[in-house]
Amino acid sequence: MAEEDKDQRTEEPTAKRLRETREKGQFANSKEISSVFVLMASILAFYMAGSHAWTNLMGISTHIFSESNALAVTQSGVYVLMQLVMREIVTALAPIVLTIMAFGLLANLLQTGGPNFSLNPLEPKFSKLNPLKGFKRIFSKNSLVELVKSIAKIVIVGYVAFSTVQEEFAQIPYLMDMSTGQILIYISKISLTIMARTFWILVLLAILDYGFQFWNFKENLKMSKQELKDERKQTEGDPLIKSRIRSIQYQMARKRMMAAVPKADVVITNPTHIAVALQYIKGEPAPRVTAKGSGFIAQKIKEIAKANGVPLVEDKPLAQVMNKTLKVGNFIPANLFKAVAEILAYVYKLKNKMF
């Protein structure tokens, strides 16, 4: 997003802008959320499966050292030994690794709102090679926030680790009387304690960071008034083109209307400014308006009517009401039945027709 025109971006992003951004694989994303989920998964995995993993690893180590004298140092013998070691390591660590991977994936799915696949982030962007833009990114607001976060995490984790170890200073002399396995178990417990104490502080930091990332993401998506106009043109069409289309549609409708005038039973006039053509088809509930207009259109309707022998009847109030309230194709409403019926009766009488 260009920094130089950011002051002009004052409008909230449209639904189209948000949809296109999502399709490009861009979201409000906080690395701290992922870190917290991974840390939580690590604590749970080591707490629930750590003992099992330790037992398996110690078992294979004991087996290797106890059977080292009987091990035949041949290609096939070493191959079998490596298979055994790799199988035991995978068996021991798989639950821990899979749990951490699953929580990391869950963290990203929660932030993206579900699975979303896009190749756009993988496309090469040569603008990123611009040294000037790279320099601006280094000293941008995001870089400053990342620096503050990194310092905060170092300080927090360092303080928690130091205070936790300080509490255990009195136990350190007793480690000399413990076996190697007991010392490793003790260190693991201290490490889990540090992770657990750090977890809640990092949760708060992740919430604050996600709030900032979400706000910054929405700010970067804001649009200028010109961008809104351009998008509206793309969505709804250029006003000039739409005007041209409407003009063509109007001309086509007028041609169809004029073509219907010769079939009319009567044309009611104003007498000079308005003309409304009516036609009654047997079986329909009422006469309908087949053409209408004022000014030049009215004059054309009257010319076509005269040329085709359609009677012209002057009724100023009726012509004005129908021209104002009815559309071409509408049936005559009940309140105009009597006036229209009298005119049609007069016209049919002139044509020696039965009404």
Foldseek 3Di string as FASTA:
>chain_A
DDPVCLVQQDAFFDPVLVVVCLLLVDFLDFVLLLVLLLLVLLLVCCVVQVVVLVVLLVVLVVVCVVCVVVQDPDPVSVVVNVVVNVVSNCVSCVSSVVSSVVSSVVSVCVRSVHDHDHCNVVDDDCVCVPVVVVVCVCVDPVVVVVVVVVVVLCVLLVVLLVVLVVVCPVVVVVVVVDDPVVVVVVVVVSVSSSSVVVSVVSVVVRVVRSVVSNVVVRSVSGGGPVVVVVVCCVVVNNPVVVVVVVVVVVVVLLVQLLVCLLQFQEWEPLPAFKIWTWHDDPPDPAIFTSHIGTDPSRVSSVVSCVVNVRYYHYDNVVRVVCRVPHDHPDGDDPVCRVVVVVVSCVSCVVVVHDD
